[in-house]
N, C-alpha and C. Protein backbone atom coordinates (compact mmCIF):
# COMPACT_ATOMS: atom_id res chain seq x y z
N UNK A 1 5.07 142.96 -12.62
CA UNK A 1 6.01 141.82 -12.45
C UNK A 1 5.72 140.88 -11.25
N UNK A 2 5.96 139.63 -11.43
CA UNK A 2 5.72 138.72 -10.39
C UNK A 2 7.08 138.25 -9.90
N UNK A 3 7.41 138.47 -8.57
CA UNK A 3 8.74 138.05 -8.02
C UNK A 3 8.43 137.03 -7.00
N UNK A 4 9.35 136.00 -6.97
CA UNK A 4 9.14 134.97 -5.90
C UNK A 4 10.34 135.11 -4.86
N UNK A 5 9.97 135.16 -3.63
CA UNK A 5 11.06 135.24 -2.68
C UNK A 5 11.19 133.85 -1.94
N UNK A 6 12.38 133.41 -1.93
CA UNK A 6 12.66 131.96 -1.23
C UNK A 6 13.05 132.35 0.23
N UNK A 7 12.28 131.88 1.12
CA UNK A 7 12.68 131.95 2.50
C UNK A 7 12.59 130.54 3.08
N UNK A 8 13.72 129.91 2.92
CA UNK A 8 13.74 128.39 3.24
C UNK A 8 12.82 127.65 2.41
N UNK A 9 11.86 126.97 2.89
CA UNK A 9 10.83 126.30 2.09
C UNK A 9 9.55 127.07 1.96
N UNK A 10 9.49 128.27 2.42
CA UNK A 10 8.27 129.09 2.28
C UNK A 10 8.51 130.07 1.18
N UNK A 11 7.47 130.36 0.36
CA UNK A 11 7.62 131.28 -0.76
C UNK A 11 6.52 132.34 -0.68
N UNK A 12 6.91 133.56 -1.00
CA UNK A 12 5.93 134.61 -1.10
C UNK A 12 5.99 135.09 -2.57
N UNK A 13 4.94 135.63 -3.02
CA UNK A 13 4.84 136.24 -4.36
C UNK A 13 4.68 137.71 -4.19
N UNK A 14 5.47 138.46 -4.90
CA UNK A 14 5.17 140.03 -4.97
C UNK A 14 4.83 140.39 -6.28
N UNK A 15 3.71 141.22 -6.31
CA UNK A 15 3.32 141.76 -7.56
C UNK A 15 3.41 143.24 -7.48
N UNK A 16 4.03 143.77 -8.58
CA UNK A 16 4.19 145.25 -8.57
C UNK A 16 4.10 145.82 -10.03
N UNK A 17 3.71 147.02 -9.90
CA UNK A 17 3.53 147.78 -11.20
C UNK A 17 4.90 148.27 -11.76
N UNK A 18 5.25 147.79 -12.91
CA UNK A 18 6.57 148.08 -13.42
C UNK A 18 6.62 149.59 -13.91
N UNK A 19 5.47 150.10 -14.24
CA UNK A 19 5.43 151.54 -14.70
C UNK A 19 5.62 152.49 -13.54
N UNK A 20 5.02 152.19 -12.42
CA UNK A 20 5.10 153.07 -11.27
C UNK A 20 6.11 152.66 -10.21
N UNK A 21 6.54 151.39 -10.34
CA UNK A 21 7.44 150.86 -9.29
C UNK A 21 6.86 150.55 -7.98
N UNK A 22 5.56 150.65 -7.82
CA UNK A 22 4.93 150.39 -6.56
C UNK A 22 4.47 148.95 -6.40
N UNK A 23 4.52 148.52 -5.15
CA UNK A 23 4.11 147.09 -4.80
C UNK A 23 2.54 147.02 -4.82
N UNK A 24 2.01 146.21 -5.49
CA UNK A 24 0.54 146.05 -5.65
C UNK A 24 0.05 145.10 -4.63
N UNK A 25 0.81 143.88 -4.48
CA UNK A 25 0.39 142.86 -3.56
C UNK A 25 1.51 141.99 -3.06
N UNK A 26 1.42 141.34 -1.86
CA UNK A 26 2.36 140.35 -1.44
C UNK A 26 1.49 139.23 -0.88
N UNK A 27 1.72 138.01 -1.29
CA UNK A 27 0.90 136.96 -0.71
C UNK A 27 1.80 135.64 -0.72
N UNK A 28 1.34 134.79 0.18
CA UNK A 28 2.09 133.49 0.36
C UNK A 28 1.81 132.61 -0.81
N UNK A 29 2.85 131.83 -1.17
CA UNK A 29 2.77 130.79 -2.19
C UNK A 29 3.49 131.31 -3.52
N UNK A 30 3.66 130.25 -4.38
CA UNK A 30 4.25 130.65 -5.54
C UNK A 30 3.73 129.77 -6.75
N UNK A 31 2.74 129.08 -6.56
CA UNK A 31 2.11 128.19 -7.57
C UNK A 31 1.20 128.89 -8.50
N UNK A 32 0.91 128.24 -9.61
CA UNK A 32 0.05 128.75 -10.50
C UNK A 32 -1.35 128.95 -9.87
N UNK A 33 -1.79 128.09 -9.04
CA UNK A 33 -3.10 128.22 -8.32
C UNK A 33 -3.07 129.46 -7.41
N UNK A 34 -1.87 129.67 -6.83
CA UNK A 34 -1.76 130.84 -5.86
C UNK A 34 -1.94 132.12 -6.69
N UNK A 35 -1.39 132.29 -7.90
CA UNK A 35 -1.45 133.42 -8.69
C UNK A 35 -2.74 133.64 -9.24
N UNK A 36 -3.41 132.46 -9.69
CA UNK A 36 -4.81 132.54 -10.36
C UNK A 36 -5.78 132.95 -9.23
N UNK A 37 -5.60 132.53 -8.06
CA UNK A 37 -6.50 132.81 -6.93
C UNK A 37 -6.44 134.28 -6.70
N UNK A 38 -5.23 134.91 -6.60
CA UNK A 38 -5.05 136.31 -6.43
C UNK A 38 -5.78 137.05 -7.56
N UNK A 39 -5.46 136.65 -8.69
CA UNK A 39 -6.06 137.45 -9.97
C UNK A 39 -7.52 137.30 -9.96
N UNK A 40 -8.04 136.25 -9.58
CA UNK A 40 -9.61 136.19 -9.53
C UNK A 40 -10.18 137.03 -8.45
N UNK A 41 -9.38 137.46 -7.40
CA UNK A 41 -9.84 138.24 -6.38
C UNK A 41 -9.95 139.69 -6.78
N UNK A 42 -9.35 139.98 -7.84
CA UNK A 42 -9.42 141.36 -8.41
C UNK A 42 -10.70 141.76 -9.08
N UNK A 43 -11.19 142.86 -9.10
CA UNK A 43 -12.29 143.26 -9.81
C UNK A 43 -12.03 143.05 -11.34
N UNK A 44 -13.03 142.72 -12.09
CA UNK A 44 -12.97 142.43 -13.51
C UNK A 44 -12.18 143.60 -14.33
N UNK A 45 -12.60 144.82 -13.97
CA UNK A 45 -12.03 145.94 -14.70
C UNK A 45 -10.46 145.98 -14.41
N UNK A 46 -10.03 145.66 -13.23
CA UNK A 46 -8.60 145.67 -12.93
C UNK A 46 -7.83 144.44 -13.81
N UNK A 47 -8.47 143.34 -13.73
CA UNK A 47 -8.00 142.11 -14.45
C UNK A 47 -7.89 142.50 -15.95
N UNK A 48 -8.88 143.11 -16.44
CA UNK A 48 -8.89 143.52 -17.83
C UNK A 48 -7.77 144.62 -18.24
N UNK A 49 -7.30 145.33 -17.16
CA UNK A 49 -6.38 146.34 -17.48
C UNK A 49 -4.96 145.78 -17.44
N UNK A 50 -4.77 144.55 -17.01
CA UNK A 50 -3.39 143.95 -17.14
C UNK A 50 -3.07 143.66 -18.47
N UNK A 51 -1.94 144.39 -18.97
CA UNK A 51 -1.53 144.24 -20.38
C UNK A 51 -0.38 143.29 -20.62
N UNK A 52 0.48 143.18 -19.53
CA UNK A 52 1.65 142.19 -19.83
C UNK A 52 2.02 141.71 -18.31
N UNK A 53 2.71 140.55 -18.44
CA UNK A 53 3.24 140.00 -17.14
C UNK A 53 4.67 139.57 -17.48
N UNK A 54 5.58 139.76 -16.55
CA UNK A 54 6.92 139.25 -16.60
C UNK A 54 7.24 138.70 -15.29
N UNK A 55 8.19 137.70 -15.36
CA UNK A 55 8.51 136.97 -14.17
C UNK A 55 10.02 136.93 -14.02
N UNK A 56 10.59 137.05 -12.86
CA UNK A 56 11.94 136.87 -12.51
C UNK A 56 12.07 135.50 -11.73
N UNK A 57 12.11 134.35 -12.37
CA UNK A 57 12.08 133.08 -11.74
C UNK A 57 13.14 132.10 -12.35
N UNK A 58 13.28 131.00 -11.62
CA UNK A 58 14.15 129.82 -12.16
C UNK A 58 13.33 129.13 -13.24
N UNK A 59 14.02 128.53 -14.16
CA UNK A 59 13.57 127.92 -15.31
C UNK A 59 12.54 126.76 -14.90
N UNK A 60 12.79 125.94 -13.88
CA UNK A 60 11.97 124.89 -13.53
C UNK A 60 10.62 125.30 -13.01
N UNK A 61 10.37 126.45 -12.66
CA UNK A 61 9.12 126.95 -12.11
C UNK A 61 8.23 127.55 -13.26
N UNK A 62 8.84 127.88 -14.37
CA UNK A 62 8.05 128.43 -15.51
C UNK A 62 6.96 127.53 -15.91
N UNK A 63 7.03 126.38 -16.00
CA UNK A 63 5.96 125.39 -16.40
C UNK A 63 4.87 125.39 -15.42
N UNK A 64 5.11 125.67 -14.19
CA UNK A 64 3.87 125.75 -13.26
C UNK A 64 3.03 126.91 -13.43
N UNK A 65 3.51 127.97 -14.12
CA UNK A 65 2.74 129.23 -14.28
C UNK A 65 2.17 129.33 -15.75
N UNK A 66 2.55 128.35 -16.73
CA UNK A 66 1.96 128.46 -18.06
C UNK A 66 0.55 127.99 -18.15
């Protein structure tokens, strides 16, 4: 799951494993580019193991991640 934390005008993204409930990563930003950059930093076998993504965000941000 990808969660976005609003801290004034700064945003952080939290990625965690919904099966285990453990936090996988926290990084600054909330844009599509921020998420893609993080995913590209993962080894290919890890990226290939991602089976689903869910987001808890406001509607106006969804288009930025499509």
